[in-house]
């Protein structure tokens, strides 16, 4: 989507160095039909990381400043991922065309999402030619694409065109699911001279969502993300004032609930949580088990 940016003068703040397995990085990129767009973030470290101060940013159509920004929230366990994407659930008339809702199957795989209002926040309306960054307190810790470059419709595998689509190369960043190679242990912290998407990513066909929610990496972590832990959170959505029950065969140590600003609202050693103090909206609930495993889920209060 084309948008006019009012300022091109801001200087991009970029972190100067990084060590393997020491900081979050982008582990999956999805640009698909019907606004089914998502970014997956992986924690390669040996510790849980508080996501306050982390943002995902979209530099649209070659912009070098003035990005749309989405604030992350909650925590991400060692070896875990968080999947953030487009949350548009209804068709929206944008004047010149109708913006269509995301696929319910895709939506169900998201841990967090934008509110689906393009005018309010268009971070997850990228369309193949937009650079995306993961930033911590304003410092870039990973880049997908090249900030300040418009590659045409997408970045490609065509080295002769500087990996743009100037010569009609095969699109890699549009209508694709890209998985970060397991050998990659850190993000790209310096804006690249050329962005070759084939160097660090493997390509899967459009509308491939099966890899969302986990990542294989050569970094060794002391704990793991445990998508195979059997648990149920119900009812979800739940009415305000009701109780949310977390049921699992594994012993639960404690739970935490965060709002979308990353603020911890509830931390309790219980498997039954009252929603009396929660406003209507979307939250993240982290469940920690006695065996050091953990899971994250979206909680909706209606």
Protein backbone atom coordinates (compact mmCIF):
# COMPACT_ATOMS: atom_id res chain seq x y z
CA UNK A 1 0.00 0.00 0.00
CA UNK A 2 1.32 3.39 -0.96
CA UNK A 3 1.40 6.14 1.64
CA UNK A 4 2.98 9.57 1.55
CA UNK A 5 5.46 10.05 4.38
CA UNK A 6 5.77 13.62 5.61
CA UNK A 7 9.35 13.46 6.80
CA UNK A 8 12.46 11.90 5.28
CA UNK A 9 15.03 13.62 7.46
CA UNK A 10 15.16 11.51 10.62
CA UNK A 11 18.31 9.46 11.14
CA UNK A 12 17.86 5.75 11.60
CA UNK A 13 19.21 4.59 14.95
CA UNK A 14 20.99 1.27 14.55
CA UNK A 15 22.67 -0.83 17.20
CA UNK A 16 26.34 -1.25 16.42
CA UNK A 17 27.03 -4.83 17.38
CA UNK A 18 25.49 -8.07 18.52
CA UNK A 19 26.61 -11.44 19.76
CA UNK A 20 25.22 -14.82 18.78
CA UNK A 21 22.20 -16.00 20.78
CA UNK A 22 22.15 -12.85 22.92
CA UNK A 23 19.09 -10.98 21.62
CA UNK A 24 15.68 -11.52 20.04
CA UNK A 25 15.45 -11.76 16.26
CA UNK A 26 12.89 -12.30 13.49
CA UNK A 27 12.38 -16.02 12.89
CA UNK A 28 9.49 -16.03 10.39
CA UNK A 29 7.92 -13.61 7.89
CA UNK A 30 4.52 -14.16 6.31
CA UNK A 31 3.09 -11.99 3.51
CA UNK A 32 -0.03 -13.64 2.18
CA UNK A 33 -3.49 -13.06 0.73
CA UNK A 34 -6.30 -11.20 2.50
CA UNK A 35 -3.93 -9.22 4.76
CA UNK A 36 -2.62 -12.47 6.32
CA UNK A 37 0.65 -10.86 7.38
CA UNK A 38 2.71 -11.82 10.42
CA UNK A 39 6.15 -11.57 11.99
CA UNK A 40 7.45 -14.22 14.38
CA UNK A 41 10.04 -13.25 17.01
CA UNK A 42 12.37 -15.84 18.59
CA UNK A 43 14.21 -15.75 21.92
CA UNK A 44 17.58 -17.54 21.51
CA UNK A 45 18.84 -16.62 24.98
CA UNK A 46 18.90 -18.68 28.17
CA UNK A 47 16.48 -16.34 29.97
CA UNK A 48 12.96 -15.03 29.64
CA UNK A 49 12.82 -11.52 28.17
CA UNK A 50 10.40 -8.75 29.12
CA UNK A 51 9.06 -7.32 25.84
CA UNK A 52 8.54 -3.81 27.19
CA UNK A 53 10.55 -1.45 24.97
CA UNK A 54 10.50 -3.77 21.95
CA UNK A 55 8.70 -2.67 18.78
CA UNK A 56 8.07 -3.97 15.26
CA UNK A 57 8.30 -1.22 12.65
CA UNK A 58 7.28 -0.89 9.02
CA UNK A 59 9.23 1.39 6.66
CA UNK A 60 6.79 1.64 3.78
CA UNK A 61 7.75 1.70 0.09
CA UNK A 62 11.37 2.78 0.49
CA UNK A 63 10.91 5.14 3.43
CA UNK A 64 13.96 5.79 5.59
CA UNK A 65 12.09 7.43 8.47
CA UNK A 66 8.65 7.81 9.99
CA UNK A 67 7.79 4.13 10.33
CA UNK A 68 4.54 2.71 11.60
CA UNK A 69 5.31 1.06 14.94
CA UNK A 70 3.71 -1.71 17.01
CA UNK A 71 4.61 -2.05 20.70
CA UNK A 72 5.20 -5.59 21.97
CA UNK A 73 4.08 -6.67 25.42
CA UNK A 74 4.36 -9.49 27.92
CA UNK A 75 7.35 -11.81 28.19
CA UNK A 76 8.93 -14.41 25.93
CA UNK A 77 10.52 -17.49 27.46
CA UNK A 78 13.88 -18.93 26.53
CA UNK A 79 13.57 -20.83 23.25
CA UNK A 80 10.05 -19.52 22.72
CA UNK A 81 8.50 -17.41 19.99
CA UNK A 82 5.75 -14.82 19.78
CA UNK A 83 3.75 -14.40 16.57
CA UNK A 84 2.34 -10.93 15.88
CA UNK A 85 0.17 -10.15 12.89
CA UNK A 86 -2.76 -8.40 11.28
CA UNK A 87 -5.94 -8.55 13.35
CA UNK A 88 -8.47 -7.22 10.82
CA UNK A 89 -11.65 -9.27 11.28
CA UNK A 90 -14.10 -7.28 9.14
CA UNK A 91 -14.12 -5.85 5.61
CA UNK A 92 -13.26 -2.14 5.67
CA UNK A 93 -14.08 0.46 3.01
CA UNK A 94 -10.93 2.54 2.50
CA UNK A 95 -12.53 4.73 -0.15
CA UNK A 96 -10.83 3.39 -3.25
CA UNK A 97 -11.12 -0.31 -2.37
CA UNK A 98 -12.32 -2.73 0.28
CA UNK A 99 -9.73 -4.12 2.69
CA UNK A 100 -10.64 -7.75 3.38
CA UNK A 101 -10.42 -9.59 6.73
CA UNK A 102 -7.75 -12.13 7.60
CA UNK A 103 -8.32 -15.87 7.45
CA UNK A 104 -9.73 -17.22 10.77
CA UNK A 105 -7.24 -20.11 10.67
CA UNK A 106 -4.37 -17.63 10.37
CA UNK A 107 -5.83 -15.37 13.07
CA UNK A 108 -6.10 -18.24 15.55
CA UNK A 109 -2.33 -18.80 15.33
CA UNK A 110 -1.44 -15.25 16.39
CA UNK A 111 -0.22 -14.47 19.91
CA UNK A 112 -0.80 -10.75 19.42
CA UNK A 113 -2.16 -8.55 16.65
CA UNK A 114 -2.89 -5.01 15.54
CA UNK A 115 -6.46 -3.78 15.82
CA UNK A 116 -7.19 -4.10 12.11
CA UNK A 117 -7.57 -0.36 11.51
CA UNK A 118 -5.20 0.73 8.74
CA UNK A 119 -5.53 4.44 9.52
CA UNK A 120 -4.80 3.86 13.21
CA UNK A 121 -1.79 1.57 12.70
CA UNK A 122 -0.64 0.03 9.42
CA UNK A 123 2.39 -1.87 10.74
CA UNK A 124 1.04 -5.25 9.64
CA UNK A 125 -0.27 -4.10 6.27
CA UNK A 126 3.13 -4.67 4.64
CA UNK A 127 2.92 -5.98 1.08
CA UNK A 128 6.32 -7.26 0.02
CA UNK A 129 8.17 -4.02 -0.66
CA UNK A 130 8.35 -2.69 2.90
CA UNK A 131 11.35 -3.03 5.21
CA UNK A 132 10.51 -4.34 8.69
CA UNK A 133 12.61 -3.82 11.79
CA UNK A 134 12.66 -5.23 15.29
CA UNK A 135 13.81 -2.53 17.69
CA UNK A 136 14.64 -2.32 21.38
CA UNK A 137 14.35 1.11 22.97
CA UNK A 138 14.73 2.66 19.51
CA UNK A 139 17.81 0.63 18.55
CA UNK A 140 17.53 -1.79 15.64
CA UNK A 141 18.28 -5.39 16.59
CA UNK A 142 17.04 -6.99 13.36
CA UNK A 143 16.08 -5.86 9.85
CA UNK A 144 14.03 -7.63 7.21
CA UNK A 145 14.59 -5.94 3.86
CA UNK A 146 16.59 -2.78 3.32
CA UNK A 147 15.43 0.43 4.96
CA UNK A 148 15.30 3.26 2.41
CA UNK A 149 14.99 0.99 -0.65
CA UNK A 150 11.86 0.35 -2.70
CA UNK A 151 12.57 -2.93 -4.53
CA UNK A 152 9.50 -2.67 -6.75
CA UNK A 153 6.88 -5.28 -5.92
CA UNK A 154 9.24 -7.35 -3.77
CA UNK A 155 12.82 -8.32 -3.01
CA UNK A 156 13.87 -11.25 -5.17
CA UNK A 157 16.60 -13.84 -5.79
CA UNK A 158 18.04 -11.81 -8.71
CA UNK A 159 21.58 -10.72 -7.79
CA UNK A 160 21.99 -8.89 -11.12
CA UNK A 161 19.25 -6.46 -10.07
CA UNK A 162 20.53 -6.00 -6.53
CA UNK A 163 17.79 -8.42 -5.40
CA UNK A 164 15.06 -6.00 -6.50
CA UNK A 165 12.47 -6.99 -9.11
CA UNK A 166 13.89 -4.60 -11.73
CA UNK A 167 14.71 -7.52 -14.04
CA UNK A 168 11.70 -9.61 -13.15
CA UNK A 169 13.30 -11.93 -10.60
CA UNK A 170 11.30 -14.39 -8.52
CA UNK A 171 9.47 -12.68 -5.67
CA UNK A 172 10.69 -13.75 -2.24
CA UNK A 173 9.02 -11.22 0.07
CA UNK A 174 5.54 -11.16 -1.47
CA UNK A 175 3.06 -14.05 -1.27
CA UNK A 176 5.60 -16.12 0.64
CA UNK A 177 6.26 -17.65 4.02
CA UNK A 178 9.94 -17.24 4.92
CA UNK A 179 11.60 -19.21 7.73
CA UNK A 180 14.92 -18.07 9.22
CA UNK A 181 17.59 -20.71 8.71
CA UNK A 182 18.48 -22.62 11.88
CA UNK A 183 22.12 -21.55 11.48
CA UNK A 184 21.18 -17.88 12.02
CA UNK A 185 21.88 -16.93 15.63
CA UNK A 186 21.39 -13.15 15.63
CA UNK A 187 19.61 -10.37 13.83
CA UNK A 188 20.90 -7.95 11.19
CA UNK A 189 21.72 -4.76 13.07
CA UNK A 190 23.22 -2.72 10.22
CA UNK A 191 21.13 -1.66 7.23
CA UNK A 192 22.45 -3.95 4.44
CA UNK A 193 24.03 -2.66 1.24
CA UNK A 194 21.99 -5.37 -0.53
CA UNK A 195 19.19 -7.45 0.93
CA UNK A 196 19.43 -11.01 -0.35
CA UNK A 197 16.44 -12.83 1.19
CA UNK A 198 17.81 -16.22 0.14
CA UNK A 199 20.92 -15.93 2.32
CA UNK A 200 19.20 -16.29 5.71
CA UNK A 201 15.68 -17.50 4.88
CA UNK A 202 14.07 -20.62 3.44
CA UNK A 203 10.96 -20.11 1.32
CA UNK A 204 7.66 -21.93 1.73
CA UNK A 205 4.59 -21.53 -0.52
CA UNK A 206 1.99 -18.82 -0.02
CA UNK A 207 -0.60 -19.53 2.69
CA UNK A 208 1.72 -21.87 4.60
CA UNK A 209 0.94 -21.30 8.28
CA UNK A 210 2.04 -24.63 9.74
CA UNK A 211 5.37 -23.27 11.01
CA UNK A 212 3.82 -20.43 13.02
CA UNK A 213 4.47 -20.76 16.74
CA UNK A 214 7.83 -22.54 16.85
CA UNK A 215 11.36 -22.16 15.51
CA UNK A 216 14.40 -24.40 15.15
CA UNK A 217 17.70 -22.69 15.91
CA UNK A 218 21.26 -23.83 16.55
CA UNK A 219 21.33 -21.68 19.69
CA UNK A 220 21.17 -23.90 22.77
CA UNK A 221 18.71 -22.73 25.41
CA UNK A 222 18.29 -23.97 28.97
CA UNK A 223 14.52 -24.10 28.68
CA UNK A 224 12.21 -24.77 25.78
CA UNK A 225 8.97 -23.47 24.40
CA UNK A 226 6.46 -26.16 25.06
CA UNK A 227 3.80 -26.16 22.40
CA UNK A 228 3.27 -29.87 23.24
CA UNK A 229 2.19 -29.16 26.81
CA UNK A 230 -1.45 -30.22 27.06
CA UNK A 231 -3.57 -27.46 28.58
CA UNK A 232 -6.94 -25.79 28.16
CA UNK A 233 -7.92 -22.21 28.97
CA UNK A 234 -11.69 -21.76 29.26
CA UNK A 235 -13.93 -20.00 28.68
CA UNK A 236 -12.05 -17.92 26.12
CA UNK A 237 -13.44 -15.40 25.27
CA UNK A 238 -14.79 -14.91 28.77
CA UNK A 239 -17.20 -12.27 30.12
CA UNK A 240 -15.90 -9.56 32.42
CA UNK A 241 -16.37 -10.59 36.02
CA UNK A 242 -16.20 -14.29 35.29
CA UNK A 243 -13.46 -16.80 36.02
CA UNK A 244 -10.85 -18.14 33.62
CA UNK A 245 -9.77 -21.72 34.32
CA UNK A 246 -6.43 -23.17 33.21
CA UNK A 247 -6.67 -26.94 33.15
CA UNK A 248 -3.58 -29.11 32.60
CA UNK A 249 -2.21 -32.50 33.59
CA UNK A 250 1.06 -30.71 34.37
CA UNK A 251 1.35 -28.92 37.71
CA UNK A 252 0.90 -25.17 37.29
CA UNK A 253 3.31 -22.92 39.20
CA UNK A 254 1.81 -19.50 38.46
CA UNK A 255 0.17 -17.40 35.77
CA UNK A 256 0.72 -13.86 34.51
CA UNK A 257 -1.65 -11.69 32.48
CA UNK A 258 -0.41 -8.69 30.47
CA UNK A 259 -2.28 -5.98 28.60
CA UNK A 260 -1.29 -4.96 25.07
CA UNK A 261 1.00 -2.24 26.45
CA UNK A 262 3.11 -4.91 28.09
CA UNK A 263 1.93 -4.02 31.59
CA UNK A 264 1.55 -6.90 34.03
CA UNK A 265 -2.02 -6.87 35.32
CA UNK A 266 -2.20 -10.15 37.22
CA UNK A 267 0.39 -12.51 38.70
CA UNK A 268 -1.03 -15.32 40.81
CA UNK A 269 -0.18 -18.83 41.96
CA UNK A 270 -3.50 -20.29 40.91
CA UNK A 271 -5.22 -22.04 38.03
CA UNK A 272 -8.47 -20.07 38.38
CA UNK A 273 -8.34 -16.34 37.70
CA UNK A 274 -11.07 -13.76 38.23
CA UNK A 275 -11.48 -11.24 35.39
CA UNK A 276 -13.17 -8.67 37.64
CA UNK A 277 -10.27 -6.20 37.37
CA UNK A 278 -9.82 -6.65 33.60
CA UNK A 279 -11.39 -4.29 31.07
CA UNK A 280 -12.90 -5.60 27.86
CA UNK A 281 -10.19 -6.31 25.29
CA UNK A 282 -7.31 -8.61 24.41
CA UNK A 283 -4.63 -9.77 26.84
CA UNK A 284 -1.70 -12.19 26.89
CA UNK A 285 -1.74 -14.95 29.50
CA UNK A 286 1.50 -16.74 30.36
CA UNK A 287 1.20 -20.08 32.18
CA UNK A 288 4.29 -21.37 33.99
CA UNK A 289 4.52 -25.02 35.06
CA UNK A 290 6.43 -26.67 37.92
CA UNK A 291 8.74 -28.44 35.44
CA UNK A 292 9.97 -25.04 34.12
CA UNK A 293 7.90 -25.29 30.96
CA UNK A 294 5.71 -22.40 29.88
CA UNK A 295 3.03 -21.54 27.36
CA UNK A 296 1.47 -18.32 26.12
CA UNK A 297 -2.07 -17.76 24.95
CA UNK A 298 -4.31 -14.91 23.89
CA UNK A 299 -7.13 -14.11 26.35
CA UNK A 300 -10.17 -12.11 25.26
CA UNK A 301 -12.49 -10.39 27.74
CA UNK A 302 -15.86 -9.46 26.25
